[in-house]
């Protein structure tokens, strides 16, 4: 696909924060990075960035397991991300109560 454009070759990169299941099936805050081969062509219609979808590479991992530099960069976006998540997700845990000890036996975390 890239052979149709005459622009400068580049790597297009997109970072995302996700609330999704990890490999073990637990819902966690994930960091995802997508990379494509692409080109920049300011004269082409629909430009200036073009991606070759056949070269897409996706790496997803829990944010806490990412490098410090990534966590530090993503920290600036956490406020907006968590506000959006809180608007869209509600948690209503079924909490079991232990009458003998007067405490909850099921912590919703």
Protein backbone atom coordinates (compact mmCIF):
# COMPACT_ATOMS: atom_id res chain seq x y z
CA UNK A 1 0.00 0.00 0.00
CA UNK A 2 2.78 2.46 0.84
CA UNK A 3 4.18 2.24 -2.68
CA UNK A 4 1.28 4.45 -3.89
CA UNK A 5 2.51 7.43 -1.85
CA UNK A 6 5.57 9.51 -2.55
CA UNK A 7 5.98 10.91 0.95
CA UNK A 8 8.66 10.35 3.52
CA UNK A 9 8.62 6.94 5.22
CA UNK A 10 7.93 6.91 8.95
CA UNK A 11 6.66 4.78 11.79
CA UNK A 12 3.22 5.77 13.04
CA UNK A 13 2.74 5.13 16.74
CA UNK A 14 -0.37 5.34 18.93
CA UNK A 15 -0.45 4.92 22.73
CA UNK A 16 -3.60 4.14 24.70
CA UNK A 17 -4.79 3.49 28.22
CA UNK A 18 -7.35 0.69 28.43
CA UNK A 19 -9.56 -0.82 31.10
CA UNK A 20 -9.71 -4.40 29.87
CA UNK A 21 -8.92 -7.98 30.76
CA UNK A 22 -5.28 -9.00 30.92
CA UNK A 23 -3.99 -12.42 29.88
CA UNK A 24 -5.20 -13.98 33.14
CA UNK A 25 -8.75 -12.63 32.67
CA UNK A 26 -8.57 -9.93 35.38
CA UNK A 27 -9.74 -6.41 34.56
CA UNK A 28 -6.78 -4.07 34.86
CA UNK A 29 -5.48 -0.73 33.71
CA UNK A 30 -3.51 -1.57 30.58
CA UNK A 31 -1.04 0.29 28.40
CA UNK A 32 -1.27 -0.42 24.69
CA UNK A 33 1.03 0.73 21.92
CA UNK A 34 0.28 0.27 18.23
CA UNK A 35 2.91 0.76 15.54
CA UNK A 36 2.59 0.78 11.76
CA UNK A 37 4.92 1.45 8.87
CA UNK A 38 3.70 4.57 7.19
CA UNK A 39 4.56 7.72 5.35
CA UNK A 40 3.98 11.44 5.55
CA UNK A 41 2.71 13.07 2.35
CA UNK A 42 1.29 16.58 2.70
CA UNK A 43 0.19 16.71 -0.95
CA UNK A 44 -1.84 13.49 -1.01
CA UNK A 45 -5.61 13.65 -0.52
CA UNK A 46 -6.62 12.40 2.92
CA UNK A 47 -3.12 13.01 4.27
CA UNK A 48 -0.72 13.82 5.64
CA UNK A 49 -0.31 10.51 7.54
CA UNK A 50 -0.81 7.13 5.89
CA UNK A 51 -0.49 3.74 7.57
CA UNK A 52 0.10 0.31 6.10
CA UNK A 53 -2.42 -1.77 8.08
CA UNK A 54 -0.63 -5.01 7.15
CA UNK A 55 2.35 -3.93 9.29
CA UNK A 56 0.32 -3.26 12.46
CA UNK A 57 2.01 -4.46 15.66
CA UNK A 58 0.18 -4.23 19.00
CA UNK A 59 1.79 -4.60 22.42
CA UNK A 60 -0.50 -4.56 25.47
CA UNK A 61 0.54 -4.98 29.10
CA UNK A 62 -0.60 -3.83 32.54
CA UNK A 63 0.44 -0.21 33.04
CA UNK A 64 2.14 -1.07 36.33
CA UNK A 65 4.45 -3.48 34.46
CA UNK A 66 5.48 -0.84 31.91
CA UNK A 67 8.75 1.06 32.10
CA UNK A 68 8.91 4.04 34.45
CA UNK A 69 9.13 6.53 31.56
CA UNK A 70 5.87 5.18 30.10
CA UNK A 71 4.06 5.26 33.46
CA UNK A 72 5.27 8.82 34.03
CA UNK A 73 4.04 9.91 30.58
CA UNK A 74 0.67 8.18 31.00
CA UNK A 75 0.18 9.73 34.47
CA UNK A 76 -0.71 13.04 32.79
CA UNK A 77 -3.70 11.31 31.13
CA UNK A 78 -4.99 9.31 34.11
CA UNK A 79 -7.34 12.01 35.43
CA UNK A 80 -9.32 12.30 32.19
CA UNK A 81 -9.19 8.54 31.61
CA UNK A 82 -10.49 7.67 35.10
CA UNK A 83 -13.27 10.28 34.92
CA UNK A 84 -14.44 8.75 31.64
CA UNK A 85 -14.18 5.25 33.06
CA UNK A 86 -16.16 6.22 36.17
CA UNK A 87 -18.87 7.71 33.97
CA UNK A 88 -19.21 4.50 31.93
CA UNK A 89 -18.64 1.78 34.56
CA UNK A 90 -20.43 1.08 37.80
CA UNK A 91 -19.36 -1.49 40.35
CA UNK A 92 -22.00 -3.09 42.52
CA UNK A 93 -20.22 -5.85 44.43
CA UNK A 94 -22.11 -8.50 46.31
CA UNK A 95 -20.53 -8.10 49.74
CA UNK A 96 -20.89 -11.01 52.13
CA UNK A 97 -21.28 -10.07 55.78
CA UNK A 98 -19.81 -12.24 58.52
CA UNK A 99 -22.26 -11.81 61.41
CA UNK A 100 -20.07 -13.66 63.87
CA UNK A 101 -17.14 -11.25 63.42
CA UNK A 102 -19.18 -8.20 62.40
CA UNK A 103 -17.22 -7.53 59.22
CA UNK A 104 -17.33 -7.92 55.46
CA UNK A 105 -15.78 -11.12 54.13
CA UNK A 106 -15.69 -10.09 50.50
CA UNK A 107 -13.54 -7.10 49.62
CA UNK A 108 -14.59 -5.76 46.18
CA UNK A 109 -11.06 -5.36 44.80
